Amino acid sequence: KDYELIARMANNIWFEELKSSHYLYETAKSCIKVKDPLAEKVLQKMIQREPANVEALNELGKIAEANLEFRKASLYYGRASSFSKDNEEYEKNYERVNGIINQQLQL
């Protein structure tokens, strides 16, 4: 895939025109691959439409964690984990950032 091209095109798209969450998710993933900050905006739009979209919540958690926003990451990971209780990845992400938060509180 040409992630850079998709990310550039995404900057010119009206998100309301993208009816399918699949297209929004592919756009967000392409933006993430090329480190385009538009990814967060696209993922936010996805969870506005589908609050229980665990893939979008998990990706938002990853973005927040990469930006060292651990409390924000914990909220996203926690929501993803609560909507998909059997998914080990979401639970591990949630536990990891909460461990970081607890370590920071002990300093």
Protein backbone atom coordinates (compact mmCIF):
# COMPACT_ATOMS: atom_id res chain seq x y z
CA LYS A 1 0.00 0.00 0.00
CA ASP A 2 1.06 3.56 -0.58
CA TYR A 3 0.48 4.79 2.97
CA GLU A 4 1.94 8.22 2.30
CA LEU A 5 -0.41 8.82 -0.62
CA ILE A 6 -3.42 7.65 1.38
CA ALA A 7 -2.47 9.93 4.27
CA ARG A 8 -2.05 12.92 1.93
CA MET A 9 -5.41 12.22 0.34
CA ALA A 10 -7.01 11.92 3.77
CA ASN A 11 -6.17 15.55 4.47
CA ASN A 12 -8.51 16.50 1.62
CA ILE A 13 -11.43 14.23 2.49
CA TRP A 14 -14.60 15.31 4.21
CA PHE A 15 -15.03 12.58 6.84
CA GLU A 16 -18.81 12.84 6.67
CA GLU A 17 -18.56 11.46 3.13
CA LEU A 18 -16.84 8.30 4.35
CA LYS A 19 -19.81 6.20 5.40
CA SER A 20 -17.90 3.02 6.16
CA SER A 21 -15.82 2.58 9.30
CA HIS A 22 -13.60 0.27 7.26
CA TYR A 23 -12.50 3.20 5.06
CA LEU A 24 -11.98 5.41 8.08
CA TYR A 25 -9.90 2.74 9.79
CA GLU A 26 -7.76 2.16 6.68
CA THR A 27 -7.24 5.91 6.42
CA ALA A 28 -6.24 6.12 10.08
CA LYS A 29 -3.84 3.18 9.78
CA SER A 30 -2.20 4.78 6.75
CA CYS A 31 -1.81 8.04 8.65
CA ILE A 32 -0.29 6.17 11.59
CA LYS A 33 2.23 4.43 9.31
CA VAL A 34 3.53 7.77 8.01
CA LYS A 35 3.19 9.50 11.40
CA ASP A 36 0.51 11.92 10.18
CA PRO A 37 -1.30 13.50 13.15
CA LEU A 38 -4.56 13.24 11.22
CA ALA A 39 -4.78 9.63 12.44
CA GLU A 40 -6.06 10.71 15.84
CA LYS A 41 -8.76 12.89 14.28
CA VAL A 42 -9.94 10.04 12.04
CA LEU A 43 -10.02 7.58 14.95
CA GLN A 44 -11.95 10.09 17.07
CA LYS A 45 -14.50 10.37 14.27
CA MET A 46 -14.80 6.58 14.27
CA ILE A 47 -15.60 6.39 17.98
CA GLN A 48 -18.09 9.22 17.64
CA ARG A 49 -19.94 7.04 15.15
CA GLU A 50 -19.29 3.76 16.95
CA PRO A 51 -18.40 4.25 20.63
CA ALA A 52 -17.66 0.53 21.03
CA ASN A 53 -15.21 0.32 18.11
CA VAL A 54 -12.43 -1.51 19.94
CA GLU A 55 -9.89 -1.23 17.11
CA ALA A 56 -10.21 2.56 17.05
CA LEU A 57 -10.07 2.75 20.86
CA ASN A 58 -6.95 0.59 20.95
CA GLU A 59 -5.23 2.66 18.26
CA LEU A 60 -6.08 5.87 20.14
CA GLY A 61 -4.54 4.28 23.21
CA LYS A 62 -1.36 3.52 21.28
CA ILE A 63 -1.17 7.11 20.02
CA ALA A 64 -1.68 8.50 23.53
CA GLU A 65 0.91 6.12 24.97
CA ALA A 66 3.45 7.07 22.29
CA ASN A 67 2.87 10.71 23.28
CA LEU A 68 3.48 9.76 26.95
CA GLU A 69 -0.15 10.56 27.80
CA PHE A 70 -0.56 7.50 29.98
CA ARG A 71 -3.82 8.43 31.70
CA LYS A 72 -5.43 9.11 28.35
CA ALA A 73 -4.03 5.84 27.01
CA SER A 74 -5.42 4.02 30.04
CA LEU A 75 -8.90 5.38 29.33
CA TYR A 76 -8.82 4.22 25.70
CA TYR A 77 -7.32 0.83 26.49
CA GLY A 78 -9.76 0.36 29.36
CA ARG A 79 -12.74 1.08 27.12
CA ALA A 80 -11.43 -1.29 24.44
CA SER A 81 -10.88 -3.97 27.06
CA SER A 82 -14.35 -3.51 28.56
CA PHE A 83 -16.02 -3.87 25.16
CA SER A 84 -13.91 -6.90 24.19
CA LYS A 85 -13.28 -8.79 27.41
CA ASP A 86 -11.68 -11.80 25.70
CA ASN A 87 -9.03 -9.80 23.85
CA GLU A 88 -5.69 -10.29 25.61
CA GLU A 89 -3.94 -7.50 23.69
CA TYR A 90 -6.34 -4.83 24.95
CA GLU A 91 -6.07 -6.10 28.53
CA LYS A 92 -2.25 -6.22 28.37
CA ASN A 93 -2.12 -2.67 27.00
CA TYR A 94 -4.41 -1.50 29.80
CA GLU A 95 -2.37 -3.24 32.49
CA ARG A 96 0.95 -1.96 31.06
CA VAL A 97 -0.02 1.73 31.08
CA ASN A 98 -1.62 1.42 34.51
CA GLY A 99 1.67 -0.05 35.73
CA ILE A 100 3.49 2.99 34.33
CA ILE A 101 0.99 5.33 35.99
CA ASN A 102 1.45 3.54 39.33
CA GLN A 103 5.25 3.78 39.02
CA GLN A 104 4.97 7.50 38.34
CA LEU A 105 2.78 7.95 41.42
CA GLN A 106 5.43 6.28 43.59
CA LEU A 107 8.16 8.72 42.52
